[in-house]
Amino acid sequence: MSTWTEPVFIKNLLIVIVGLSISVWWLYKKIKSKLEEVQERQENIRKRV
């Protein structure tokens, strides 16, 4: 079993944290862009009516 003081464990933990951070940032960016697209479409529909 690993302990908090093992260098390999700390290195792997940092890699996982960085990977999760990047994936959360990427998902946030994608969701935000999709929401902006939906908002633009709704505004265009309102202007036509």
Protein backbone atom coordinates (compact mmCIF):
# COMPACT_ATOMS: atom_id res chain seq x y z
CA MET A 1 0.00 0.00 0.00
CA SER A 2 1.24 3.48 -0.86
CA THR A 3 1.82 6.21 1.64
CA TRP A 4 1.65 9.97 1.14
CA THR A 5 5.44 10.29 1.34
CA GLU A 6 6.33 8.01 -1.57
CA PRO A 7 7.63 10.03 -4.55
CA VAL A 8 5.96 7.74 -7.11
CA PHE A 9 2.59 8.16 -5.42
CA ILE A 10 2.94 11.95 -5.29
CA LYS A 11 4.01 12.06 -8.96
CA ASN A 12 1.04 9.93 -10.04
CA LEU A 13 -1.33 12.00 -7.91
CA LEU A 14 -0.10 15.22 -9.55
CA ILE A 15 -0.51 13.70 -13.03
CA VAL A 16 -4.09 12.71 -12.23
CA ILE A 17 -4.90 16.14 -10.80
CA VAL A 18 -3.48 17.89 -13.87
CA GLY A 19 -5.38 15.54 -16.18
CA LEU A 20 -8.66 16.10 -14.36
CA SER A 21 -8.10 19.86 -14.40
CA ILE A 22 -7.56 19.85 -18.16
CA SER A 23 -10.61 17.68 -18.78
CA VAL A 24 -12.84 19.89 -16.60
CA TRP A 25 -11.54 23.00 -18.37
CA TRP A 26 -12.20 21.41 -21.79
CA LEU A 27 -15.73 20.35 -20.84
CA TYR A 28 -16.49 23.80 -19.43
CA LYS A 29 -15.28 25.41 -22.65
CA LYS A 30 -17.40 23.09 -24.82
CA ILE A 31 -20.56 23.55 -22.73
CA LYS A 32 -20.11 27.32 -22.66
CA SER A 33 -19.73 27.51 -26.45
CA LYS A 34 -22.82 25.34 -26.98
CA LEU A 35 -24.87 27.52 -24.63
CA GLU A 36 -23.75 30.62 -26.53
CA GLU A 37 -24.81 28.98 -29.82
CA VAL A 38 -28.25 28.19 -28.41
CA GLN A 39 -28.61 31.74 -27.15
CA GLU A 40 -27.71 33.14 -30.57
CA ARG A 41 -30.23 30.86 -32.27
CA GLN A 42 -32.97 31.90 -29.85
CA GLU A 43 -32.20 35.58 -30.47
CA ASN A 44 -32.35 35.03 -34.24
CA ILE A 45 -35.71 33.28 -33.91
CA ARG A 46 -37.08 36.16 -31.81
CA LYS A 47 -35.92 38.72 -34.39
CA ARG A 48 -37.69 36.87 -37.20
CA VAL A 49 -41.01 36.72 -35.35
